[in-house]
Amino acid sequence: VKGRFTISRDNAKKTLFLQMNSLKPEDTAVY
């Protein structure tokens, strides 16, 4: 996923994010 996905967090909002770009069929899964 390197170069396509970006992980980030907002500690003030207590939220974790995963931005997924250029998705492929092989990315299909429960996250």
Full PDB file with SEQRES, HELIX, SHEET, SSBOND, CRYST1, ORIGX, SCALE, CONECT and MASTER records, all heavy atoms in Angstrom:
SEQRES   1 A   31  VAL LYS GLY ARG PHE THR ILE SER ARG ASP ASN ALA LYS          
SEQRES   2 A   31  LYS THR LEU PHE LEU GLN MET ASN SER LEU LYS PRO GLU          
SEQRES   3 A   31  ASP THR ALA VAL TYR                                          
HELIX    1 AA1 PRO A   25  ASP A   27  5                                   3    
SHEET    1 AA1 2 PHE A   5  ASP A  10  0                                        
SHEET    2 AA1 2 THR A  15  MET A  20 -1                                        
CRYST1    1.000    1.000    1.000  90.00  90.00  90.00 P 1           1          
ORIGX1      1.000000  0.000000  0.000000        0.00000                         
ORIGX2      0.000000  1.000000  0.000000        0.00000                         
ORIGX3      0.000000  0.000000  1.000000        0.00000                         
SCALE1      1.000000  0.000000  0.000000        0.00000                         
SCALE2      0.000000  1.000000  0.000000        0.00000                         
SCALE3      0.000000  0.000000  1.000000        0.00000                         
ATOM      1  N   VAL A   1       0.805  -1.217   0.000  1.00  0.00           N  
ATOM      2  CA  VAL A   1       0.000   0.000   0.000  1.00  0.00           C  
ATOM      3  C   VAL A   1       0.835   1.263   0.000  1.00  0.00           C  
ATOM      4  O   VAL A   1       0.287   2.369  -0.133  1.00  0.00           O  
ATOM      5  CB  VAL A   1      -0.978   0.034   1.195  1.00  0.00           C  
ATOM      6  CG1 VAL A   1      -1.830  -1.226   1.227  1.00  0.00           C  
ATOM      7  CG2 VAL A   1      -0.220   0.204   2.509  1.00  0.00           C  
ATOM      8  N   LYS A   2       2.123   1.132   0.147  1.00  0.00           N  
ATOM      9  CA  LYS A   2       3.012   2.293   0.219  1.00  0.00           C  
ATOM     10  C   LYS A   2       2.882   3.147  -1.040  1.00  0.00           C  
ATOM     11  O   LYS A   2       2.904   2.643  -2.158  1.00  0.00           O  
ATOM     12  CB  LYS A   2       4.451   1.832   0.421  1.00  0.00           C  
ATOM     13  CG  LYS A   2       5.421   2.934   0.781  1.00  0.00           C  
ATOM     14  CD  LYS A   2       6.797   2.361   1.119  1.00  0.00           C  
ATOM     15  CE  LYS A   2       6.732   1.436   2.319  1.00  0.00           C  
ATOM     16  NZ  LYS A   2       8.077   0.900   2.691  1.00  0.00           N  
ATOM     17  N   GLY A   3       2.735   4.440  -0.826  1.00  0.00           N  
ATOM     18  CA  GLY A   3       2.557   5.360  -1.929  1.00  0.00           C  
ATOM     19  C   GLY A   3       1.114   5.564  -2.330  1.00  0.00           C  
ATOM     20  O   GLY A   3       0.809   6.504  -3.073  1.00  0.00           O  
ATOM     21  N   ARG A   4       0.220   4.705  -1.860  1.00  0.00           N  
ATOM     22  CA  ARG A   4      -1.198   4.821  -2.182  1.00  0.00           C  
ATOM     23  C   ARG A   4      -2.035   5.174  -0.959  1.00  0.00           C  
ATOM     24  O   ARG A   4      -3.029   5.887  -1.072  1.00  0.00           O  
ATOM     25  CB  ARG A   4      -1.720   3.519  -2.790  1.00  0.00           C  
ATOM     26  CG  ARG A   4      -1.035   3.122  -4.087  1.00  0.00           C  
ATOM     27  CD  ARG A   4      -1.721   1.915  -4.726  1.00  0.00           C  
ATOM     28  NE  ARG A   4      -1.657   0.732  -3.870  1.00  0.00           N  
ATOM     29  CZ  ARG A   4      -2.722   0.090  -3.387  1.00  0.00           C  
ATOM     30  NH1 ARG A   4      -3.952   0.510  -3.678  1.00  0.00           N  
ATOM     31  NH2 ARG A   4      -2.563  -0.988  -2.627  1.00  0.00           N  
ATOM     32  N   PHE A   5      -1.638   4.647   0.196  1.00  0.00           N  
ATOM     33  CA  PHE A   5      -2.378   4.872   1.432  1.00  0.00           C  
ATOM     34  C   PHE A   5      -1.612   5.831   2.331  1.00  0.00           C  
ATOM     35  O   PHE A   5      -0.377   5.835   2.358  1.00  0.00           O  
ATOM     36  CB  PHE A   5      -2.587   3.562   2.190  1.00  0.00           C  
ATOM     37  CG  PHE A   5      -3.533   2.591   1.540  1.00  0.00           C  
ATOM     38  CD1 PHE A   5      -3.996   2.768   0.248  1.00  0.00           C  
ATOM     39  CD2 PHE A   5      -3.960   1.467   2.249  1.00  0.00           C  
ATOM     40  CE1 PHE A   5      -4.864   1.863  -0.342  1.00  0.00           C  
ATOM     41  CE2 PHE A   5      -4.824   0.558   1.678  1.00  0.00           C  
ATOM     42  CZ  PHE A   5      -5.279   0.751   0.382  1.00  0.00           C  
ATOM     43  N   THR A   6      -2.341   6.618   3.097  1.00  0.00           N  
ATOM     44  CA  THR A   6      -1.744   7.527   4.056  1.00  0.00           C  
ATOM     45  C   THR A   6      -2.487   7.415   5.377  1.00  0.00           C  
ATOM     46  O   THR A   6      -3.709   7.571   5.429  1.00  0.00           O  
ATOM     47  CB  THR A   6      -1.791   8.982   3.569  1.00  0.00           C  
ATOM     48  OG1 THR A   6      -1.116   9.094   2.315  1.00  0.00           O  
ATOM     49  CG2 THR A   6      -1.108   9.898   4.584  1.00  0.00           C  
ATOM     50  N   ILE A   7      -1.749   7.152   6.431  1.00  0.00           N  
ATOM     51  CA  ILE A   7      -2.336   7.061   7.754  1.00  0.00           C  
ATOM     52  C   ILE A   7      -2.072   8.364   8.507  1.00  0.00           C  
ATOM     53  O   ILE A   7      -0.992   8.952   8.384  1.00  0.00           O  
ATOM     54  CB  ILE A   7      -1.778   5.841   8.527  1.00  0.00           C  
ATOM     55  CG1 ILE A   7      -2.545   5.607   9.820  1.00  0.00           C  
ATOM     56  CG2 ILE A   7      -0.291   5.988   8.800  1.00  0.00           C  
ATOM     57  CD1 ILE A   7      -2.181   4.288  10.493  1.00  0.00           C  
ATOM     58  N   SER A   8      -3.054   8.812   9.253  1.00  0.00           N  
ATOM     59  CA  SER A   8      -2.905  10.031  10.039  1.00  0.00           C  
ATOM     60  C   SER A   8      -3.763   9.917  11.290  1.00  0.00           C  
ATOM     61  O   SER A   8      -4.613   9.028  11.393  1.00  0.00           O  
ATOM     62  CB  SER A   8      -3.289  11.270   9.226  1.00  0.00           C  
ATOM     63  OG  SER A   8      -4.643  11.217   8.817  1.00  0.00           O  
ATOM     64  N   ARG A   9      -3.525  10.819  12.227  1.00  0.00           N  
ATOM     65  CA  ARG A   9      -4.314  10.811  13.447  1.00  0.00           C  
ATOM     66  C   ARG A   9      -4.533  12.226  13.933  1.00  0.00           C  
ATOM     67  O   ARG A   9      -3.713  13.115  13.727  1.00  0.00           O  
ATOM     68  CB  ARG A   9      -3.633   9.967  14.537  1.00  0.00           C  
ATOM     69  CG  ARG A   9      -2.297  10.515  15.029  1.00  0.00           C  
ATOM     70  CD  ARG A   9      -1.574   9.500  15.911  1.00  0.00           C  
ATOM     71  NE  ARG A   9      -2.300   9.218  17.137  1.00  0.00           N  
ATOM     72  CZ  ARG A   9      -2.051   8.193  17.947  1.00  0.00           C  
ATOM     73  NH1 ARG A   9      -1.078   7.329  17.633  1.00  0.00           N  
ATOM     74  NH2 ARG A   9      -2.759   8.020  19.047  1.00  0.00           N  
ATOM     75  N   ASP A  10      -5.651  12.425  14.591  1.00  0.00           N  
ATOM     76  CA  ASP A  10      -5.988  13.682  15.220  1.00  0.00           C  
ATOM     77  C   ASP A  10      -6.247  13.365  16.682  1.00  0.00           C  
ATOM     78  O   ASP A  10      -7.325  12.898  17.044  1.00  0.00           O  
ATOM     79  CB  ASP A  10      -7.208  14.319  14.565  1.00  0.00           C  
ATOM     80  CG  ASP A  10      -7.507  15.706  15.097  1.00  0.00           C  
ATOM     81  OD1 ASP A  10      -7.134  16.017  16.240  1.00  0.00           O  
ATOM     82  OD2 ASP A  10      -8.124  16.498  14.358  1.00  0.00           O  
ATOM     83  N   ASN A  11      -5.252  13.588  17.506  1.00  0.00           N  
ATOM     84  CA  ASN A  11      -5.372  13.214  18.912  1.00  0.00           C  
ATOM     85  C   ASN A  11      -6.415  14.049  19.645  1.00  0.00           C  
ATOM     86  O   ASN A  11      -7.048  13.567  20.583  1.00  0.00           O  
ATOM     87  CB  ASN A  11      -4.015  13.327  19.602  1.00  0.00           C  
ATOM     88  CG  ASN A  11      -3.057  12.242  19.167  1.00  0.00           C  
ATOM     89  OD1 ASN A  11      -3.466  11.231  18.592  1.00  0.00           O  
ATOM     90  ND2 ASN A  11      -1.772  12.434  19.431  1.00  0.00           N  
ATOM     91  N   ALA A  12      -6.583  15.305  19.240  1.00  0.00           N  
ATOM     92  CA  ALA A  12      -7.588  16.150  19.867  1.00  0.00           C  
ATOM     93  C   ALA A  12      -8.985  15.605  19.627  1.00  0.00           C  
ATOM     94  O   ALA A  12      -9.856  15.693  20.496  1.00  0.00           O  
ATOM     95  CB  ALA A  12      -7.483  17.584  19.360  1.00  0.00           C  
ATOM     96  N   LYS A  13      -9.218  15.056  18.447  1.00  0.00           N  
ATOM     97  CA  LYS A  13     -10.511  14.477  18.103  1.00  0.00           C  
ATOM     98  C   LYS A  13     -10.576  12.980  18.370  1.00  0.00           C  
ATOM     99  O   LYS A  13     -11.617  12.357  18.134  1.00  0.00           O  
ATOM    100  CB  LYS A  13     -10.847  14.762  16.643  1.00  0.00           C  
ATOM    101  CG  LYS A  13     -11.059  16.229  16.317  1.00  0.00           C  
ATOM    102  CD  LYS A  13     -11.437  16.400  14.857  1.00  0.00           C  
ATOM    103  CE  LYS A  13     -11.861  17.830  14.550  1.00  0.00           C  
ATOM    104  NZ  LYS A  13     -10.763  18.804  14.791  1.00  0.00           N  
ATOM    105  N   LYS A  14      -9.484  12.418  18.831  1.00  0.00           N  
ATOM    106  CA  LYS A  14      -9.400  10.986  19.110  1.00  0.00           C  
ATOM    107  C   LYS A  14      -9.823  10.165  17.893  1.00  0.00           C  
ATOM    108  O   LYS A  14     -10.651   9.252  17.994  1.00  0.00           O  
ATOM    109  CB  LYS A  14     -10.243  10.622  20.329  1.00  0.00           C  
ATOM    110  CG  LYS A  14      -9.754  11.228  21.629  1.00  0.00           C  
ATOM    111  CD  LYS A  14     -10.577  10.714  22.801  1.00  0.00           C  
ATOM    112  CE  LYS A  14     -10.051  11.241  24.115  1.00  0.00           C  
ATOM    113  NZ  LYS A  14     -10.832  10.710  25.269  1.00  0.00           N  
ATOM    114  N   THR A  15      -9.253  10.500  16.768  1.00  0.00           N  
ATOM    115  CA  THR A  15      -9.640   9.853  15.524  1.00  0.00           C  
ATOM    116  C   THR A  15      -8.413   9.453  14.716  1.00  0.00           C  
ATOM    117  O   THR A  15      -7.455  10.216  14.607  1.00  0.00           O  
ATOM    118  CB  THR A  15     -10.530  10.769  14.679  1.00  0.00           C  
ATOM    119  OG1 THR A  15     -11.657  11.194  15.454  1.00  0.00           O  
ATOM    120  CG2 THR A  15     -11.041  10.038  13.446  1.00  0.00           C  
ATOM    121  N   LEU A  16      -8.468   8.269  14.165  1.00  0.00           N  
ATOM    122  CA  LEU A  16      -7.453   7.746  13.269  1.00  0.00           C  
ATOM    123  C   LEU A  16      -8.032   7.693  11.862  1.00  0.00           C  
ATOM    124  O   LEU A  16      -9.204   7.369  11.685  1.00  0.00           O  
ATOM    125  CB  LEU A  16      -7.033   6.349  13.719  1.00  0.00           C  
ATOM    126  CG  LEU A  16      -6.035   5.597  12.848  1.00  0.00           C  
ATOM    127  CD1 LEU A  16      -4.642   6.198  12.997  1.00  0.00           C  
ATOM    128  CD2 LEU A  16      -6.035   4.116  13.217  1.00  0.00           C  
ATOM    129  N   PHE A  17      -7.211   7.990  10.865  1.00  0.00           N  
ATOM    130  CA  PHE A  17      -7.670   8.007   9.489  1.00  0.00           C  
ATOM    131  C   PHE A  17      -6.791   7.129   8.615  1.00  0.00           C  
ATOM    132  O   PHE A  17      -5.613   6.929   8.887  1.00  0.00           O  
ATOM    133  CB  PHE A  17      -7.648   9.426   8.918  1.00  0.00           C  
ATOM    134  CG  PHE A  17      -8.477  10.407   9.684  1.00  0.00           C  
ATOM    135  CD1 PHE A  17      -7.887  11.240  10.623  1.00  0.00           C  
ATOM    136  CD2 PHE A  17      -9.838  10.503   9.465  1.00  0.00           C  
ATOM    137  CE1 PHE A  17      -8.639  12.153  11.332  1.00  0.00           C  
ATOM    138  CE2 PHE A  17     -10.608  11.416  10.172  1.00  0.00           C  
ATOM    139  CZ  PHE A  17     -10.011  12.240  11.107  1.00  0.00           C  
ATOM    140  N   LEU A  18      -7.382   6.627   7.563  1.00  0.00           N  
ATOM    141  CA  LEU A  18      -6.644   5.948   6.516  1.00  0.00           C  
ATOM    142  C   LEU A  18      -7.173   6.441   5.181  1.00  0.00           C  
ATOM    143  O   LEU A  18      -8.290   6.100   4.788  1.00  0.00           O  
ATOM    144  CB  LEU A  18      -6.777   4.432   6.623  1.00  0.00           C  
ATOM    145  CG  LEU A  18      -5.977   3.636   5.589  1.00  0.00           C  
ATOM    146  CD1 LEU A  18      -4.476   3.803   5.832  1.00  0.00           C  
ATOM    147  CD2 LEU A  18      -6.354   2.151   5.623  1.00  0.00           C  
ATOM    148  N   GLN A  19      -6.378   7.250   4.503  1.00  0.00           N  
ATOM    149  CA  GLN A  19      -6.722   7.723   3.171  1.00  0.00           C  
ATOM    150  C   GLN A  19      -6.205   6.708   2.165  1.00  0.00           C  
ATOM    151  O   GLN A  19      -5.002   6.448   2.099  1.00  0.00           O  
ATOM    152  CB  GLN A  19      -6.114   9.093   2.908  1.00  0.00           C  
ATOM    153  CG  GLN A  19      -6.392   9.645   1.513  1.00  0.00           C  
ATOM    154  CD  GLN A  19      -7.854   9.928   1.288  1.00  0.00           C  
ATOM    155  OE1 GLN A  19      -8.501  10.553   2.124  1.00  0.00           O  
ATOM    156  NE2 GLN A  19      -8.389   9.464   0.168  1.00  0.00           N  
ATOM    157  N   MET A  20      -7.098   6.149   1.383  1.00  0.00           N  
ATOM    158  CA  MET A  20      -6.750   5.116   0.422  1.00  0.00           C  
ATOM    159  C   MET A  20      -6.997   5.645  -0.982  1.00  0.00           C  
ATOM    160  O   MET A  20      -8.133   5.970  -1.337  1.00  0.00           O  
ATOM    161  CB  MET A  20      -7.562   3.847   0.670  1.00  0.00           C  
ATOM    162  CG  MET A  20      -7.423   3.298   2.085  1.00  0.00           C  
ATOM    163  SD  MET A  20      -8.294   1.728   2.317  1.00  0.00           S  
ATOM    164  CE  MET A  20      -9.996   2.277   2.102  1.00  0.00           C  
ATOM    165  N   ASN A  21      -5.945   5.723  -1.765  1.00  0.00           N  
ATOM    166  CA  ASN A  21      -6.021   6.184  -3.143  1.00  0.00           C  
ATOM    167  C   ASN A  21      -5.577   5.077  -4.085  1.00  0.00           C  
ATOM    168  O   ASN A  21      -4.922   4.122  -3.674  1.00  0.00           O  
ATOM    169  CB  ASN A  21      -5.147   7.424  -3.348  1.00  0.00           C  
ATOM    170  CG  ASN A  21      -5.554   8.592  -2.479  1.00  0.00           C  
ATOM    171  OD1 ASN A  21      -6.739   8.814  -2.234  1.00  0.00           O  
ATOM    172  ND2 ASN A  21      -4.574   9.363  -2.022  1.00  0.00           N  
ATOM    173  N   SER A  22      -5.917   5.238  -5.337  1.00  0.00           N  
ATOM    174  CA  SER A  22      -5.532   4.269  -6.369  1.00  0.00           C  
ATOM    175  C   SER A  22      -5.860   2.847  -5.937  1.00  0.00           C  
ATOM    176  O   SER A  22      -5.034   1.938  -6.027  1.00  0.00           O  
ATOM    177  CB  SER A  22      -4.040   4.405  -6.690  1.00  0.00           C  
ATOM    178  OG  SER A  22      -3.734   5.708  -7.138  1.00  0.00           O  
ATOM    179  N   LEU A  23      -7.064   2.661  -5.488  1.00  0.00           N  
ATOM    180  CA  LEU A  23      -7.463   1.371  -4.942  1.00  0.00           C  
ATOM    181  C   LEU A  23      -7.479   0.282  -6.001  1.00  0.00           C  
ATOM    182  O   LEU A  23      -7.833   0.521  -7.153  1.00  0.00           O  
ATOM    183  CB  LEU A  23      -8.831   1.480  -4.281  1.00  0.00           C  
ATOM    184  CG  LEU A  23      -8.813   2.156  -2.906  1.00  0.00           C  
ATOM    185  CD1 LEU A  23     -10.205   2.622  -2.517  1.00  0.00           C  
ATOM    186  CD2 LEU A  23      -8.260   1.196  -1.859  1.00  0.00           C  
ATOM    187  N   LYS A  24      -7.099  -0.899  -5.571  1.00  0.00           N  
ATOM    188  CA  LYS A  24      -7.037  -2.074  -6.421  1.00  0.00           C  
ATOM    189  C   LYS A  24      -7.984  -3.138  -5.890  1.00  0.00           C  
ATOM    190  O   LYS A  24      -8.298  -3.156  -4.706  1.00  0.00           O  
ATOM    191  CB  LYS A  24      -5.614  -2.636  -6.454  1.00  0.00           C  
ATOM    192  CG  LYS A  24      -4.545  -1.637  -6.856  1.00  0.00           C  
ATOM    193  CD  LYS A  24      -3.159  -2.251  -6.716  1.00  0.00           C  
ATOM    194  CE  LYS A  24      -2.079  -1.267  -7.082  1.00  0.00           C  
ATOM    195  NZ  LYS A  24      -0.717  -1.859  -6.913  1.00  0.00           N  
ATOM    196  N   PRO A  25      -8.425  -4.057  -6.748  1.00  0.00           N  
ATOM    197  CA  PRO A  25      -9.286  -5.143  -6.266  1.00  0.00           C  
ATOM    198  C   PRO A  25      -8.659  -5.930  -5.116  1.00  0.00           C  
ATOM    199  O   PRO A  25      -9.384  -6.392  -4.233  1.00  0.00           O  
ATOM    200  CB  PRO A  25      -9.466  -6.017  -7.512  1.00  0.00           C  
ATOM    201  CG  PRO A  25      -9.365  -5.053  -8.645  1.00  0.00           C  
ATOM    202  CD  PRO A  25      -8.311  -4.067  -8.216  1.00  0.00           C  
ATOM    203  N   GLU A  26      -7.349  -6.063  -5.103  1.00  0.00           N  
ATOM    204  CA  GLU A  26      -6.673  -6.790  -4.038  1.00  0.00           C  
ATOM    205  C   GLU A  26      -6.740  -6.074  -2.697  1.00  0.00           C  
ATOM    206  O   GLU A  26      -6.384  -6.650  -1.674  1.00  0.00           O  
ATOM    207  CB  GLU A  26      -5.210  -7.055  -4.409  1.00  0.00           C  
ATOM    208  CG  GLU A  26      -4.376  -5.794  -4.547  1.00  0.00           C  
ATOM    209  CD  GLU A  26      -2.955  -6.080  -5.029  1.00  0.00           C  
ATOM    210  OE1 GLU A  26      -2.782  -7.035  -5.819  1.00  0.00           O  
ATOM    211  OE2 GLU A  26      -2.033  -5.366  -4.620  1.00  0.00           O  
ATOM    212  N   ASP A  27      -7.180  -4.831  -2.696  1.00  0.00           N  
ATOM    213  CA  ASP A  27      -7.370  -4.102  -1.449  1.00  0.00           C  
ATOM    214  C   ASP A  27      -8.680  -4.464  -0.763  1.00  0.00           C  
ATOM    215  O   ASP A  27      -8.929  -4.029   0.363  1.00  0.00           O  
ATOM    216  CB  ASP A  27      -7.337  -2.596  -1.692  1.00  0.00           C  
ATOM    217  CG  ASP A  27      -5.990  -2.098  -2.183  1.00  0.00           C  
ATOM    218  OD1 ASP A  27      -4.959  -2.576  -1.670  1.00  0.00           O  
ATOM    219  OD2 ASP A  27      -5.973  -1.228  -3.085  1.00  0.00           O  
ATOM    220  N   THR A  28      -9.515  -5.230  -1.431  1.00  0.00           N  
ATOM    221  CA  THR A  28     -10.792  -5.637  -0.864  1.00  0.00           C  
ATOM    222  C   THR A  28     -10.575  -6.460   0.398  1.00  0.00           C  
ATOM    223  O   THR A  28      -9.879  -7.469   0.381  1.00  0.00           O  
ATOM    224  CB  THR A  28     -11.604  -6.445  -1.880  1.00  0.00           C  
ATOM    225  OG1 THR A  28     -11.918  -5.622  -3.006  1.00  0.00           O  
ATOM    226  CG2 THR A  28     -12.900  -6.950  -1.260  1.00  0.00           C  
ATOM    227  N   ALA A  29     -11.162  -6.009   1.491  1.00  0.00           N  
ATOM    228  CA  ALA A  29     -10.993  -6.673   2.776  1.00  0.00           C  
ATOM    229  C   ALA A  29     -11.816  -5.942   3.817  1.00  0.00           C  
ATOM    230  O   ALA A  29     -12.346  -4.861   3.571  1.00  0.00           O  
ATOM    231  CB  ALA A  29      -9.521  -6.689   3.191  1.00  0.00           C  
ATOM    232  N   VAL A  30     -11.913  -6.552   4.982  1.00  0.00           N  
ATOM    233  CA  VAL A  30     -12.413  -5.853   6.146  1.00  0.00           C  
ATOM    234  C   VAL A  30     -11.229  -5.146   6.786  1.00  0.00           C  
ATOM    235  O   VAL A  30     -10.209  -5.772   7.070  1.00  0.00           O  
ATOM    236  CB  VAL A  30     -13.081  -6.806   7.155  1.00  0.00           C  
ATOM    237  CG1 VAL A  30     -13.503  -6.045   8.406  1.00  0.00           C  
ATOM    238  CG2 VAL A  30     -14.284  -7.486   6.521  1.00  0.00           C  
ATOM    239  N   TYR A  31     -11.366  -3.865   7.004  1.00  0.00           N  
ATOM    240  CA  TYR A  31     -10.289  -3.068   7.563  1.00  0.00           C  
ATOM    241  C   TYR A  31     -10.543  -2.810   9.042  1.00  0.00           C  
ATOM    242  O   TYR A  31     -11.629  -2.389   9.433  1.00  0.00           O  
ATOM    243  CB  TYR A  31     -10.155  -1.745   6.812  1.00  0.00           C  
ATOM    244  CG  TYR A  31      -9.459  -1.901   5.486  1.00  0.00           C  
ATOM    245  CD1 TYR A  31     -10.091  -2.549   4.427  1.00  0.00           C  
ATOM    246  CD2 TYR A  31      -8.167  -1.424   5.292  1.00  0.00           C  
ATOM    247  CE1 TYR A  31      -9.448  -2.716   3.216  1.00  0.00           C  
ATOM    248  CE2 TYR A  31      -7.520  -1.583   4.083  1.00  0.00           C  
ATOM    249  CZ  TYR A  31      -8.166  -2.229   3.046  1.00  0.00           C  
ATOM    250  OH  TYR A  31      -7.518  -2.388   1.839  1.00  0.00           O  
TER     251      TYR A  31                                                      
MASTER        0    0    0    1    2    0    0    6  250    1    0    3          
END                                                                             
